PDB file of N, CA and C in Angstrom:
ATOM      1  N   UNK A   1    -146.883-205.709 115.775  1.00  0.00           N
ATOM      2  CA  UNK A   1    -147.781-206.479 115.925  1.00  0.00           C
ATOM      3  C   UNK A   1    -148.398-206.266 117.444  1.00  0.00           C
ATOM      4  N   UNK A   2    -149.883-206.177 117.490  1.00  0.00           N
ATOM      5  CA  UNK A   2    -150.677-205.855 118.710  1.00  0.00           C
ATOM      6  C   UNK A   2    -150.383-206.961 119.573  1.00  0.00           C
ATOM      7  N   UNK A   3    -150.324-206.483 120.978  1.00  0.00           N
ATOM      8  CA  UNK A   3    -150.357-207.436 121.942  1.00  0.00           C
ATOM      9  C   UNK A   3    -151.667-208.064 122.154  1.00  0.00           C
ATOM     10  N   UNK A   4    -152.025-209.230 122.672  1.00  0.00           N
ATOM     11  CA  UNK A   4    -153.299-209.796 123.007  1.00  0.00           C
ATOM     12  C   UNK A   4    -153.743-209.199 124.245  1.00  0.00           C
ATOM     13  N   UNK A   5    -155.141-208.948 124.198  1.00  0.00           N
ATOM     14  CA  UNK A   5    -155.748-208.235 125.462  1.00  0.00           C
ATOM     15  C   UNK A   5    -156.949-208.985 125.925  1.00  0.00           C
ATOM     16  N   UNK A   6    -157.243-208.904 126.998  1.00  0.00           N
ATOM     17  CA  UNK A   6    -158.445-209.723 127.704  1.00  0.00           C
ATOM     18  C   UNK A   6    -159.450-209.078 127.451  1.00  0.00           C
ATOM     19  N   UNK A   7    -160.480-209.667 127.159  1.00  0.00           N
ATOM     20  CA  UNK A   7    -161.769-208.975 127.271  1.00  0.00           C
ATOM     21  C   UNK A   7    -162.835-209.761 127.583  1.00  0.00           C
ATOM     22  N   UNK A   8    -163.579-209.344 128.750  1.00  0.00           N
ATOM     23  CA  UNK A   8    -164.502-209.790 129.464  1.00  0.00           C
ATOM     24  C   UNK A   8    -165.881-209.927 128.704  1.00  0.00           C
ATOM     25  N   UNK A   9    -166.449-211.063 128.482  1.00  0.00           N
ATOM     26  CA  UNK A   9    -167.677-211.041 127.824  1.00  0.00           C
ATOM     27  C   UNK A   9    -169.020-211.183 128.687  1.00  0.00           C
ATOM     28  N   UNK A  10    -169.989-210.308 128.748  1.00  0.00           N
ATOM     29  CA  UNK A  10    -171.012-210.365 129.559  1.00  0.00           C
ATOM     30  C   UNK A  10    -172.285-210.832 128.783  1.00  0.00           C
ATOM     31  N   UNK A  11    -173.322-211.083 129.518  1.00  0.00           N
ATOM     32  CA  UNK A  11    -174.547-211.545 128.992  1.00  0.00           C
ATOM     33  C   UNK A  11    -175.077-210.080 128.489  1.00  0.00           C
ATOM     34  N   UNK A  12    -175.583-210.181 126.997  1.00  0.00           N
ATOM     35  CA  UNK A  12    -176.055-208.989 126.592  1.00  0.00           C
ATOM     36  C   UNK A  12    -177.467-208.770 127.123  1.00  0.00           C
ATOM     37  N   UNK A  13    -178.060-207.595 126.672  1.00  0.00           N
ATOM     38  CA  UNK A  13    -179.324-207.159 127.131  1.00  0.00           C
ATOM     39  C   UNK A  13    -180.432-208.286 126.856  1.00  0.00           C
ATOM     40  N   UNK A  14    -180.894-209.064 127.851  1.00  0.00           N
ATOM     41  CA  UNK A  14    -181.784-210.062 127.666  1.00  0.00           C
ATOM     42  C   UNK A  14    -183.123-209.941 128.397  1.00  0.00           C
ATOM     43  N   UNK A  15    -183.298-208.640 128.846  1.00  0.00           N
ATOM     44  CA  UNK A  15    -184.386-208.191 129.664  1.00  0.00           C
ATOM     45  C   UNK A  15    -184.095-208.391 131.029  1.00  0.00           C
ATOM     46  N   UNK A  16    -185.041-208.243 131.970  1.00  0.00           N
ATOM     47  CA  UNK A  16    -184.985-208.157 133.424  1.00  0.00           C
ATOM     48  C   UNK A  16    -184.687-209.413 134.086  1.00  0.00           C
ATOM     49  N   UNK A  17    -185.035-210.545 133.371  1.00  0.00           N
ATOM     50  CA  UNK A  17    -185.092-211.801 134.304  1.00  0.00           C
ATOM     51  C   UNK A  17    -183.825-212.581 134.155  1.00  0.00           C
ATOM     52  N   UNK A  18    -183.824-213.384 135.315  1.00  0.00           N
ATOM     53  CA  UNK A  18    -182.647-214.255 135.379  1.00  0.00           C
ATOM     54  C   UNK A  18    -183.037-215.454 134.365  1.00  0.00           C
ATOM     55  N   UNK A  19    -181.897-216.156 133.800  1.00  0.00           N
ATOM     56  CA  UNK A  19    -181.920-217.064 132.907  1.00  0.00           C
ATOM     57  C   UNK A  19    -181.057-218.386 133.373  1.00  0.00           C
ATOM     58  N   UNK A  20    -181.367-219.646 133.171  1.00  0.00           N
ATOM     59  CA  UNK A  20    -180.472-220.625 133.440  1.00  0.00           C
ATOM     60  C   UNK A  20    -179.686-220.917 132.310  1.00  0.00           C
ATOM     61  N   UNK A  21    -178.342-221.161 132.721  1.00  0.00           N
ATOM     62  CA  UNK A  21    -177.347-221.786 131.647  1.00  0.00           C
ATOM     63  C   UNK A  21    -177.527-223.183 131.375  1.00  0.00           C
ATOM     64  N   UNK A  22    -178.082-223.764 130.117  1.00  0.00           N
ATOM     65  CA  UNK A  22    -178.571-225.011 129.901  1.00  0.00           C
ATOM     66  C   UNK A  22    -177.271-225.728 129.036  1.00  0.00           C
ATOM     67  N   UNK A  23    -176.628-225.026 128.438  1.00  0.00           N
ATOM     68  CA  UNK A  23    -175.541-225.724 127.469  1.00  0.00           C
ATOM     69  C   UNK A  23    -174.437-224.606 127.144  1.00  0.00           C
ATOM     70  N   UNK A  24    -173.287-225.188 127.377  1.00  0.00           N
ATOM     71  CA  UNK A  24    -172.088-224.415 126.895  1.00  0.00           C
ATOM     72  C   UNK A  24    -171.660-224.871 125.601  1.00  0.00           C
ATOM     73  N   UNK A  25    -171.614-223.962 124.576  1.00  0.00           N
ATOM     74  CA  UNK A  25    -171.341-224.405 123.264  1.00  0.00           C
ATOM     75  C   UNK A  25    -169.813-224.162 122.781  1.00  0.00           C
ATOM     76  N   UNK A  26    -168.931-223.403 123.743  1.00  0.00           N
ATOM     77  CA  UNK A  26    -167.621-223.441 123.478  1.00  0.00           C
ATOM     78  C   UNK A  26    -166.923-223.829 124.781  1.00  0.00           C
ATOM     79  N   UNK A  27    -165.525-224.102 124.423  1.00  0.00           N
ATOM     80  CA  UNK A  27    -164.733-224.631 125.629  1.00  0.00           C
ATOM     81  C   UNK A  27    -163.381-223.667 125.689  1.00  0.00           C
ATOM     82  N   UNK A  28    -162.739-223.593 126.804  1.00  0.00           N
ATOM     83  CA  UNK A  28    -161.508-222.950 127.060  1.00  0.00           C
ATOM     84  C   UNK A  28    -160.603-223.490 125.747  1.00  0.00           C
ATOM     85  N   UNK A  29    -159.974-222.358 125.091  1.00  0.00           N
ATOM     86  CA  UNK A  29    -159.075-222.724 124.068  1.00  0.00           C
ATOM     87  C   UNK A  29    -159.711-222.592 122.794  1.00  0.00           C
ATOM     88  N   UNK A  30    -160.998-222.509 122.650  1.00  0.00           N
ATOM     89  CA  UNK A  30    -161.671-222.420 121.267  1.00  0.00           C
ATOM     90  C   UNK A  30    -161.448-220.884 120.708  1.00  0.00           C
ATOM     91  N   UNK A  31    -161.166-220.896 119.402  1.00  0.00           N
ATOM     92  CA  UNK A  31    -161.321-219.576 118.730  1.00  0.00           C
ATOM     93  C   UNK A  31    -162.715-219.447 118.221  1.00  0.00           C
ATOM     94  N   UNK A  32    -163.433-218.201 118.607  1.00  0.00           N
ATOM     95  CA  UNK A  32    -164.676-217.765 118.557  1.00  0.00           C
ATOM     96  C   UNK A  32    -164.809-216.551 117.570  1.00  0.00           C
ATOM     97  N   UNK A  33    -165.701-216.692 116.735  1.00  0.00           N
ATOM     98  CA  UNK A  33    -165.942-215.432 115.845  1.00  0.00           C
ATOM     99  C   UNK A  33    -167.251-214.564 116.333  1.00  0.00           C
ATOM    100  N   UNK A  34    -167.282-213.380 116.048  1.00  0.00           N
ATOM    101  CA  UNK A  34    -168.339-212.514 116.425  1.00  0.00           C
ATOM    102  C   UNK A  34    -169.584-213.050 116.076  1.00  0.00           C
ATOM    103  N   UNK A  35    -170.550-213.242 116.939  1.00  0.00           N
ATOM    104  CA  UNK A  35    -172.033-213.647 116.568  1.00  0.00           C
ATOM    105  C   UNK A  35    -171.959-215.213 116.748  1.00  0.00           C
ATOM    106  N   UNK A  36    -170.770-215.901 116.893  1.00  0.00           N
ATOM    107  CA  UNK A  36    -170.961-217.203 117.229  1.00  0.00           C
ATOM    108  C   UNK A  36    -171.536-217.510 118.637  1.00  0.00           C
ATOM    109  N   UNK A  37    -172.456-218.543 118.615  1.00  0.00           N
ATOM    110  CA  UNK A  37    -173.279-218.859 119.982  1.00  0.00           C
ATOM    111  C   UNK A  37    -172.252-219.413 120.947  1.00  0.00           C
ATOM    112  N   UNK A  38    -172.295-218.761 122.287  1.00  0.00           N
ATOM    113  CA  UNK A  38    -171.368-219.237 123.231  1.00  0.00           C
ATOM    114  C   UNK A  38    -172.090-220.222 124.163  1.00  0.00           C
ATOM    115  N   UNK A  39    -173.373-220.033 124.426  1.00  0.00           N
ATOM    116  CA  UNK A  39    -174.116-220.810 125.454  1.00  0.00           C
ATOM    117  C   UNK A  39    -175.423-220.821 125.233  1.00  0.00           C
ATOM    118  N   UNK A  40    -176.239-221.635 125.491  1.00  0.00           N
ATOM    119  CA  UNK A  40    -177.877-221.552 125.567  1.00  0.00           C
ATOM    120  C   UNK A  40    -178.231-221.289 126.804  1.00  0.00           C
ATOM    121  N   UNK A  41    -179.252-220.562 127.101  1.00  0.00           N
ATOM    122  CA  UNK A  41    -179.785-220.095 128.136  1.00  0.00           C
ATOM    123  C   UNK A  41    -181.332-220.266 128.224  1.00  0.00           C
ATOM    124  N   UNK A  42    -181.953-220.650 129.352  1.00  0.00           N
ATOM    125  CA  UNK A  42    -183.522-220.861 129.331  1.00  0.00           C
ATOM    126  C   UNK A  42    -183.992-219.992 130.206  1.00  0.00           C
ATOM    127  N   UNK A  43    -185.074-219.188 129.938  1.00  0.00           N
ATOM    128  CA  UNK A  43    -185.784-218.355 130.700  1.00  0.00           C
ATOM    129  C   UNK A  43    -187.303-218.726 130.768  1.00  0.00           C
ATOM    130  N   UNK A  44    -188.243-218.090 130.804  1.00  0.00           N
ATOM    131  CA  UNK A  44    -189.742-218.518 131.091  1.00  0.00           C
ATOM    132  C   UNK A  44    -190.208-219.033 129.469  1.00  0.00           C
ATOM    133  N   UNK A  45    -189.878-220.396 129.570  1.00  0.00           N
ATOM    134  CA  UNK A  45    -190.650-221.196 128.510  1.00  0.00           C
ATOM    135  C   UNK A  45    -189.887-220.884 127.166  1.00  0.00           C
ATOM    136  N   UNK A  46    -188.782-220.285 127.273  1.00  0.00           N
ATOM    137  CA  UNK A  46    -187.970-219.949 125.881  1.00  0.00           C
ATOM    138  C   UNK A  46    -186.561-220.095 126.242  1.00  0.00           C
ATOM    139  N   UNK A  47    -185.894-220.728 125.307  1.00  0.00           N
ATOM    140  CA  UNK A  47    -184.471-220.889 125.149  1.00  0.00           C
ATOM    141  C   UNK A  47    -183.696-219.980 124.007  1.00  0.00           C
ATOM    142  N   UNK A  48    -182.621-219.391 124.416  1.00  0.00           N
ATOM    143  CA  UNK A  48    -182.033-218.608 123.489  1.00  0.00           C
ATOM    144  C   UNK A  48    -180.634-218.755 123.683  1.00  0.00           C
ATOM    145  N   UNK A  49    -179.853-218.530 122.735  1.00  0.00           N
ATOM    146  CA  UNK A  49    -178.372-218.541 122.435  1.00  0.00           C
ATOM    147  C   UNK A  49    -177.780-217.162 122.830  1.00  0.00           C
ATOM    148  N   UNK A  50    -176.637-217.116 123.443  1.00  0.00           N
ATOM    149  CA  UNK A  50    -175.925-215.959 123.728  1.00  0.00           C
ATOM    150  C   UNK A  50    -174.847-215.809 122.756  1.00  0.00           C
ATOM    151  N   UNK A  51    -174.818-214.948 122.076  1.00  0.00           N
ATOM    152  CA  UNK A  51    -173.683-214.802 120.917  1.00  0.00           C
ATOM    153  C   UNK A  51    -172.532-214.037 121.454  1.00  0.00           C
ATOM    154  N   UNK A  52    -171.408-214.187 120.878  1.00  0.00           N
ATOM    155  CA  UNK A  52    -170.042-213.480 121.143  1.00  0.00           C
ATOM    156  C   UNK A  52    -170.233-212.243 120.559  1.00  0.00           C
ATOM    157  N   UNK A  53    -169.842-211.269 121.332  1.00  0.00           N
ATOM    158  CA  UNK A  53    -169.928-209.945 120.913  1.00  0.00           C
ATOM    159  C   UNK A  53    -168.376-209.411 120.398  1.00  0.00           C
ATOM    160  N   UNK A  54    -167.350-210.272 120.698  1.00  0.00           N
ATOM    161  CA  UNK A  54    -166.032-210.013 120.161  1.00  0.00           C
ATOM    162  C   UNK A  54    -165.596-211.279 119.730  1.00  0.00           C
ATOM    163  N   UNK A  55    -164.486-211.446 118.772  1.00  0.00           N
ATOM    164  CA  UNK A  55    -163.718-212.300 118.374  1.00  0.00           C
ATOM    165  C   UNK A  55    -162.626-212.529 119.031  1.00  0.00           C
ATOM    166  N   UNK A  56    -162.382-213.988 119.397  1.00  0.00           N
ATOM    167  CA  UNK A  56    -160.967-214.134 120.094  1.00  0.00           C
ATOM    168  C   UNK A  56    -160.919-215.768 120.595  1.00  0.00           C
ATOM    169  N   UNK A  57    -159.792-215.870 121.337  1.00  0.00           N
ATOM    170  CA  UNK A  57    -159.961-217.209 121.987  1.00  0.00           C
ATOM    171  C   UNK A  57    -160.544-217.211 123.377  1.00  0.00           C
ATOM    172  N   UNK A  58    -161.192-218.236 123.737  1.00  0.00           N
ATOM    173  CA  UNK A  58    -161.779-218.535 125.080  1.00  0.00           C
ATOM    174  C   UNK A  58    -160.699-218.700 126.148  1.00  0.00           C
ATOM    175  N   UNK A  59    -160.526-217.709 126.872  1.00  0.00           N
ATOM    176  CA  UNK A  59    -159.337-217.913 128.004  1.00  0.00           C
ATOM    177  C   UNK A  59    -159.921-218.539 129.265  1.00  0.00           C
ATOM    178  N   UNK A  60    -161.103-218.241 129.922  1.00  0.00           N
ATOM    179  CA  UNK A  60    -161.824-218.716 130.779  1.00  0.00           C
ATOM    180  C   UNK A  60    -163.311-218.674 130.743  1.00  0.00           C
ATOM    181  N   UNK A  61    -163.840-219.623 131.214  1.00  0.00           N
ATOM    182  CA  UNK A  61    -165.476-219.636 131.357  1.00  0.00           C
ATOM    183  C   UNK A  61    -165.868-219.350 132.826  1.00  0.00           C
ATOM    184  N   UNK A  62    -166.670-218.331 133.222  1.00  0.00           N
ATOM    185  CA  UNK A  62    -166.931-217.986 134.350  1.00  0.00           C
ATOM    186  C   UNK A  62    -168.291-218.641 134.807  1.00  0.00           C
ATOM    187  N   UNK A  63    -169.006-219.415 133.995  1.00  0.00           N
ATOM    188  CA  UNK A  63    -170.483-220.086 134.465  1.00  0.00           C
ATOM    189  C   UNK A  63    -170.296-221.368 134.050  1.00  0.00           C
ATOM    190  N   UNK A  64    -171.265-222.189 134.845  1.00  0.00           N
ATOM    191  CA  UNK A  64    -171.358-223.468 134.412  1.00  0.00           C
ATOM    192  C   UNK A  64    -172.904-223.776 134.269  1.00  0.00           C
ATOM    193  N   UNK A  65    -173.109-224.976 133.617  1.00  0.00           N
ATOM    194  CA  UNK A  65    -174.610-225.449 133.343  1.00  0.00           C
ATOM    195  C   UNK A  65    -175.285-225.483 134.668  1.00  0.00           C
ATOM    196  N   UNK A  66    -176.566-224.864 134.617  1.00  0.00           N
ATOM    197  CA  UNK A  66    -177.241-224.780 135.959  1.00  0.00           C
ATOM    198  C   UNK A  66    -177.133-223.290 136.563  1.00  0.00           C
ATOM    199  N   UNK A  67    -176.049-222.619 136.395  1.00  0.00           N
ATOM    200  CA  UNK A  67    -175.950-221.362 136.809  1.00  0.00           C
ATOM    201  C   UNK A  67    -176.981-220.443 136.375  1.00  0.00           C
ATOM    202  N   UNK A  68    -177.516-219.458 137.073  1.00  0.00           N
ATOM    203  CA  UNK A  68    -178.351-218.269 136.713  1.00  0.00           C
ATOM    204  C   UNK A  68    -177.494-217.157 136.341  1.00  0.00           C
ATOM    205  N   UNK A  69    -177.978-216.567 135.234  1.00  0.00           N
ATOM    206  CA  UNK A  69    -177.160-215.546 134.600  1.00  0.00           C
ATOM    207  C   UNK A  69    -178.319-214.360 134.393  1.00  0.00           C
ATOM    208  N   UNK A  70    -177.907-213.068 134.357  1.00  0.00           N
ATOM    209  CA  UNK A  70    -178.799-212.274 133.885  1.00  0.00           C
ATOM    210  C   UNK A  70    -178.010-211.076 132.978  1.00  0.00           C
ATOM    211  N   UNK A  71    -178.643-210.004 132.528  1.00  0.00           N
ATOM    212  CA  UNK A  71    -178.110-209.015 131.644  1.00  0.00           C
ATOM    213  C   UNK A  71    -176.887-208.597 132.552  1.00  0.00           C
ATOM    214  N   UNK A  72    -175.715-208.502 131.887  1.00  0.00           N
ATOM    215  CA  UNK A  72    -174.692-207.889 132.535  1.00  0.00           C
ATOM    216  C   UNK A  72    -173.610-208.949 133.273  1.00  0.00           C
ATOM    217  N   UNK A  73    -174.133-210.334 133.560  1.00  0.00           N
ATOM    218  CA  UNK A  73    -173.369-211.197 134.042  1.00  0.00           C
ATOM    219  C   UNK A  73    -172.099-211.685 133.213  1.00  0.00           C
ATOM    220  N   UNK A  74    -170.734-211.391 133.749  1.00  0.00           N
ATOM    221  CA  UNK A  74    -169.563-211.776 133.260  1.00  0.00           C
ATOM    222  C   UNK A  74    -169.726-213.286 132.900  1.00  0.00           C
ATOM    223  N   UNK A  75    -169.404-213.791 131.809  1.00  0.00           N
ATOM    224  CA  UNK A  75    -169.669-215.284 131.480  1.00  0.00           C
ATOM    225  C   UNK A  75    -168.442-215.860 130.983  1.00  0.00           C
ATOM    226  N   UNK A  76    -167.490-215.193 130.173  1.00  0.00           N
ATOM    227  CA  UNK A  76    -166.378-215.656 129.665  1.00  0.00           C
ATOM    228  C   UNK A  76    -165.228-214.550 129.792  1.00  0.00           C
ATOM    229  N   UNK A  77    -163.833-214.928 129.605  1.00  0.00           N
ATOM    230  CA  UNK A  77    -162.921-213.925 129.330  1.00  0.00           C
ATOM    231  C   UNK A  77    -162.467-214.518 127.973  1.00  0.00           C
ATOM    232  N   UNK A  78    -162.099-213.678 127.059  1.00  0.00           N
ATOM    233  CA  UNK A  78    -161.717-213.818 125.634  1.00  0.00           C
ATOM    234  C   UNK A  78    -160.197-213.283 125.578  1.00  0.00           C
ATOM    235  N   UNK A  79    -159.288-213.872 124.930  1.00  0.00           N
ATOM    236  CA  UNK A  79    -158.003-213.108 124.651  1.00  0.00           C
ATOM    237  C   UNK A  79    -158.087-212.920 123.210  1.00  0.00           C
ATOM    238  N   UNK A  80    -158.176-211.413 123.143  1.00  0.00           N
ATOM    239  CA  UNK A  80    -158.550-210.971 121.811  1.00  0.00           C
ATOM    240  C   UNK A  80    -157.116-210.442 121.175  1.00  0.00           C
ATOM    241  N   UNK A  81    -156.741-210.823 119.994  1.00  0.00           N
ATOM    242  CA  UNK A  81    -155.345-210.619 119.251  1.00  0.00           C
ATOM    243  C   UNK A  81    -155.720-209.672 118.192  1.00  0.00           C
ATOM    244  N   UNK A  82    -154.582-208.974 117.632  1.00  0.00           N
ATOM    245  CA  UNK A  82    -154.694-208.216 116.530  1.00  0.00           C
ATOM    246  C   UNK A  82    -155.573-206.892 116.564  1.00  0.00           C
ATOM    247  N   UNK A  83    -155.820-206.550 117.795  1.00  0.00           N
ATOM    248  CA  UNK A  83    -156.468-205.344 117.941  1.00  0.00           C
ATOM    249  C   UNK A  83    -155.386-204.283 117.801  1.00  0.00           C
ATOM    250  N   UNK A  84    -155.663-203.162 117.294  1.00  0.00           N
ATOM    251  CA  UNK A  84    -154.703-202.165 117.272  1.00  0.00           C
ATOM    252  C   UNK A  84    -154.242-201.673 118.796  1.00  0.00           C
ATOM    253  N   UNK A  85    -152.990-201.546 119.066  1.00  0.00           N
ATOM    254  CA  UNK A  85    -152.603-201.233 120.289  1.00  0.00           C
ATOM    255  C   UNK A  85    -153.108-199.922 120.582  1.00  0.00           C
ATOM    256  N   UNK A  86    -153.596-199.702 121.808  1.00  0.00           N
ATOM    257  CA  UNK A  86    -153.922-198.283 122.257  1.00  0.00           C
ATOM    258  C   UNK A  86    -152.649-197.893 123.235  1.00  0.00           C
ATOM    259  N   UNK A  87    -152.237-196.611 122.776  1.00  0.00           N
ATOM    260  CA  UNK A  87    -151.301-196.182 123.588  1.00  0.00           C
ATOM    261  C   UNK A  87    -151.536-195.461 124.759  1.00  0.00           C
ATOM    262  N   UNK A  88    -150.969-196.012 125.976  1.00  0.00           N
ATOM    263  CA  UNK A  88    -151.417-195.614 127.283  1.00  0.00           C
ATOM    264  C   UNK A  88    -150.646-193.953 127.284  1.00  0.00           C
ATOM    265  N   UNK A  89    -151.651-193.021 127.827  1.00  0.00           N
ATOM    266  CA  UNK A  89    -151.160-191.725 128.153  1.00  0.00           C
ATOM    267  C   UNK A  89    -149.915-191.584 129.100  1.00  0.00           C
ATOM    268  N   UNK A  90    -148.928-191.090 128.830  1.00  0.00           N
ATOM    269  CA  UNK A  90    -147.858-191.091 129.809  1.00  0.00           C
ATOM    270  C   UNK A  90    -148.023-189.856 130.767  1.00  0.00           C
ATOM    271  N   UNK A  91    -147.895-190.170 132.063  1.00  0.00           N
ATOM    272  CA  UNK A  91    -148.234-189.369 133.100  1.00  0.00           C
ATOM    273  C   UNK A  91    -147.146-188.057 133.019  1.00  0.00           C
TER     274      UNK A  91
END
């Protein structure tokens, strides 16, 4: 069985603007599927949901409601299990 690995989840490409986190839709310990909504953000008169790009268990959340985020901002760390183990090259 493959070991669990930590995967940082960033804000996907949402354009160049900063947006405000208005709602967190998951909490630490939740198991999340790919494309499940993680949070709601609000930009210029539009709100959108940020989907998960990987499946896994939420290990930590790096942002809070009211925080400003933009494309590439790390928002969560997932513990991803069941991925094939990648053999590290031996030096």
